[in-house]
Amino acid sequence: MTETERGPAGPEVTPQLTTADGEPLYTTEQAAALLGLKLPSVKAAIQRGRLAVVRLSPGRSFVTAGAVAAYRRDYLGKRGGYRPRKGAG
């Protein structure tokens, strides 16, 4: 049995797969819903290496529940606010 998580927008998200250890695997769309982000933002985070994925085959990437929690902790709590670039001004 897999756990259902609720994203900030409210919809419940049930993982499609689990790892051999039983950790839930979410699609990138599901991860976006859980994080309260749009899909392009999640894909950009993956490309930048900020959100870890498990690639099962070309075009089939999944995000672990642990990666969602780590992204929330490491990046979402730090969003917002104006910070000038170094050397500007």
C-alpha atoms as a PDB file:
ATOM      1  CA  MET A   1       0.000   0.000   0.000  1.00  0.00           C
ATOM      2  CA  THR A   2       1.327   3.439  -0.890  1.00  0.00           C
ATOM      3  CA  GLU A   3       0.860   6.665   0.964  1.00  0.00           C
ATOM      4  CA  THR A   4      -1.050   9.541  -0.513  1.00  0.00           C
ATOM      5  CA  GLU A   5       0.421  13.002  -0.126  1.00  0.00           C
ATOM      6  CA  ARG A   6      -1.261  16.359  -0.420  1.00  0.00           C
ATOM      7  CA  GLY A   7       0.371  19.248  -2.244  1.00  0.00           C
ATOM      8  CA  PRO A   8       0.085  22.905  -1.245  1.00  0.00           C
ATOM      9  CA  ALA A   9      -2.743  23.409  -3.723  1.00  0.00           C
ATOM     10  CA  GLY A  10      -4.716  20.659  -2.041  1.00  0.00           C
ATOM     11  CA  PRO A  11      -5.003  17.784  -4.528  1.00  0.00           C
ATOM     12  CA  GLU A  12      -4.062  14.367  -3.229  1.00  0.00           C
ATOM     13  CA  VAL A  13      -1.271  12.652  -5.121  1.00  0.00           C
ATOM     14  CA  THR A  14      -0.848   8.877  -5.099  1.00  0.00           C
ATOM     15  CA  PRO A  15       2.492   7.550  -6.360  1.00  0.00           C
ATOM     16  CA  GLN A  16       2.408   5.290  -9.402  1.00  0.00           C
ATOM     17  CA  LEU A  17       5.402   3.176  -8.391  1.00  0.00           C
ATOM     18  CA  THR A  18       7.671   2.502  -5.453  1.00  0.00           C
ATOM     19  CA  THR A  19      11.365   1.674  -5.185  1.00  0.00           C
ATOM     20  CA  ALA A  20      12.524  -1.758  -4.036  1.00  0.00           C
ATOM     21  CA  ASP A  21      12.730  -0.224  -0.544  1.00  0.00           C
ATOM     22  CA  GLY A  22       9.104   0.907  -0.717  1.00  0.00           C
ATOM     23  CA  GLU A  23       9.813   4.624  -1.215  1.00  0.00           C
ATOM     24  CA  PRO A  24       7.126   6.280  -3.370  1.00  0.00           C
ATOM     25  CA  LEU A  25       8.057   7.379  -6.905  1.00  0.00           C
ATOM     26  CA  TYR A  26       6.180  10.317  -8.402  1.00  0.00           C
ATOM     27  CA  THR A  27       5.943  11.458 -12.003  1.00  0.00           C
ATOM     28  CA  THR A  28       7.298  14.924 -12.717  1.00  0.00           C
ATOM     29  CA  GLU A  29       3.701  16.134 -12.990  1.00  0.00           C
ATOM     30  CA  GLN A  30       2.884  14.696  -9.575  1.00  0.00           C
ATOM     31  CA  ALA A  31       6.060  16.203  -8.078  1.00  0.00           C
ATOM     32  CA  ALA A  32       5.013  19.593  -9.476  1.00  0.00           C
ATOM     33  CA  ALA A  33       1.611  19.264  -7.784  1.00  0.00           C
ATOM     34  CA  LEU A  34       3.203  18.248  -4.478  1.00  0.00           C
ATOM     35  CA  LEU A  35       5.653  21.155  -4.598  1.00  0.00           C
ATOM     36  CA  GLY A  36       3.085  23.703  -5.762  1.00  0.00           C
ATOM     37  CA  LEU A  37       5.152  24.439  -8.871  1.00  0.00           C
ATOM     38  CA  LYS A  38       4.447  24.393 -12.583  1.00  0.00           C
ATOM     39  CA  LEU A  39       5.834  21.515 -14.630  1.00  0.00           C
ATOM     40  CA  PRO A  40       8.452  23.662 -16.456  1.00  0.00           C
ATOM     41  CA  SER A  41       9.840  24.764 -13.066  1.00  0.00           C
ATOM     42  CA  VAL A  42      10.203  21.140 -11.952  1.00  0.00           C
ATOM     43  CA  LYS A  43      11.899  20.201 -15.224  1.00  0.00           C
ATOM     44  CA  ALA A  44      14.295  23.151 -14.823  1.00  0.00           C
ATOM     45  CA  ALA A  45      15.108  22.046 -11.261  1.00  0.00           C
ATOM     46  CA  ILE A  46      15.881  18.562 -12.575  1.00  0.00           C
ATOM     47  CA  GLN A  47      18.123  19.941 -15.326  1.00  0.00           C
ATOM     48  CA  ARG A  48      19.997  22.101 -12.803  1.00  0.00           C
ATOM     49  CA  GLY A  49      20.520  19.105 -10.535  1.00  0.00           C
ATOM     50  CA  ARG A  50      18.433  20.582  -7.726  1.00  0.00           C
ATOM     51  CA  LEU A  51      15.778  17.867  -7.859  1.00  0.00           C
ATOM     52  CA  ALA A  52      17.000  14.290  -8.104  1.00  0.00           C
ATOM     53  CA  VAL A  53      15.231  11.836 -10.392  1.00  0.00           C
ATOM     54  CA  VAL A  54      15.269   8.106 -11.007  1.00  0.00           C
ATOM     55  CA  ARG A  55      15.420   7.381 -14.735  1.00  0.00           C
ATOM     56  CA  LEU A  56      13.813   4.041 -15.547  1.00  0.00           C
ATOM     57  CA  SER A  57      14.224   4.446 -19.322  1.00  0.00           C
ATOM     58  CA  PRO A  58      14.618   7.321 -21.783  1.00  0.00           C
ATOM     59  CA  GLY A  59      11.675   9.625 -21.232  1.00  0.00           C
ATOM     60  CA  ARG A  60      10.572   7.901 -18.000  1.00  0.00           C
ATOM     61  CA  SER A  61      11.799   9.877 -15.006  1.00  0.00           C
ATOM     62  CA  PHE A  62      10.392   9.630 -11.517  1.00  0.00           C
ATOM     63  CA  VAL A  63      11.009  11.696  -8.400  1.00  0.00           C
ATOM     64  CA  THR A  64      11.324   9.953  -5.036  1.00  0.00           C
ATOM     65  CA  ALA A  65       9.398  11.154  -1.999  1.00  0.00           C
ATOM     66  CA  GLY A  66      12.754  11.897  -0.371  1.00  0.00           C
ATOM     67  CA  ALA A  67      13.794  14.113  -3.282  1.00  0.00           C
ATOM     68  CA  VAL A  68      10.503  16.043  -3.010  1.00  0.00           C
ATOM     69  CA  ALA A  69      11.069  16.562   0.719  1.00  0.00           C
ATOM     70  CA  ALA A  70      14.703  17.613   0.177  1.00  0.00           C
ATOM     71  CA  TYR A  71      13.715  20.119  -2.517  1.00  0.00           C
ATOM     72  CA  ARG A  72      11.052  21.574  -0.231  1.00  0.00           C
ATOM     73  CA  ARG A  73      13.560  21.919   2.593  1.00  0.00           C
ATOM     74  CA  ASP A  74      16.524  23.193   0.549  1.00  0.00           C
ATOM     75  CA  TYR A  75      14.896  25.438  -2.043  1.00  0.00           C
ATOM     76  CA  LEU A  76      11.245  26.287  -1.472  1.00  0.00           C
ATOM     77  CA  GLY A  77      11.792  27.838   1.938  1.00  0.00           C
ATOM     78  CA  LYS A  78      14.351  30.214   0.440  1.00  0.00           C
ATOM     79  CA  ARG A  79      12.348  31.610  -2.463  1.00  0.00           C
ATOM     80  CA  GLY A  80      11.379  35.231  -2.743  1.00  0.00           C
ATOM     81  CA  GLY A  81      12.891  38.472  -1.683  1.00  0.00           C
ATOM     82  CA  TYR A  82      15.129  40.763  -3.684  1.00  0.00           C
ATOM     83  CA  ARG A  83      18.832  40.018  -3.731  1.00  0.00           C
ATOM     84  CA  PRO A  84      21.038  42.157  -5.953  1.00  0.00           C
ATOM     85  CA  ARG A  85      23.635  40.369  -8.052  1.00  0.00           C
ATOM     86  CA  LYS A  86      27.239  40.531  -6.965  1.00  0.00           C
ATOM     87  CA  GLY A  87      28.986  43.537  -8.454  1.00  0.00           C
ATOM     88  CA  ALA A  88      25.737  45.296  -9.295  1.00  0.00           C
ATOM     89  CA  GLY A  89      25.019  48.710  -8.154  1.00  0.00           C
END
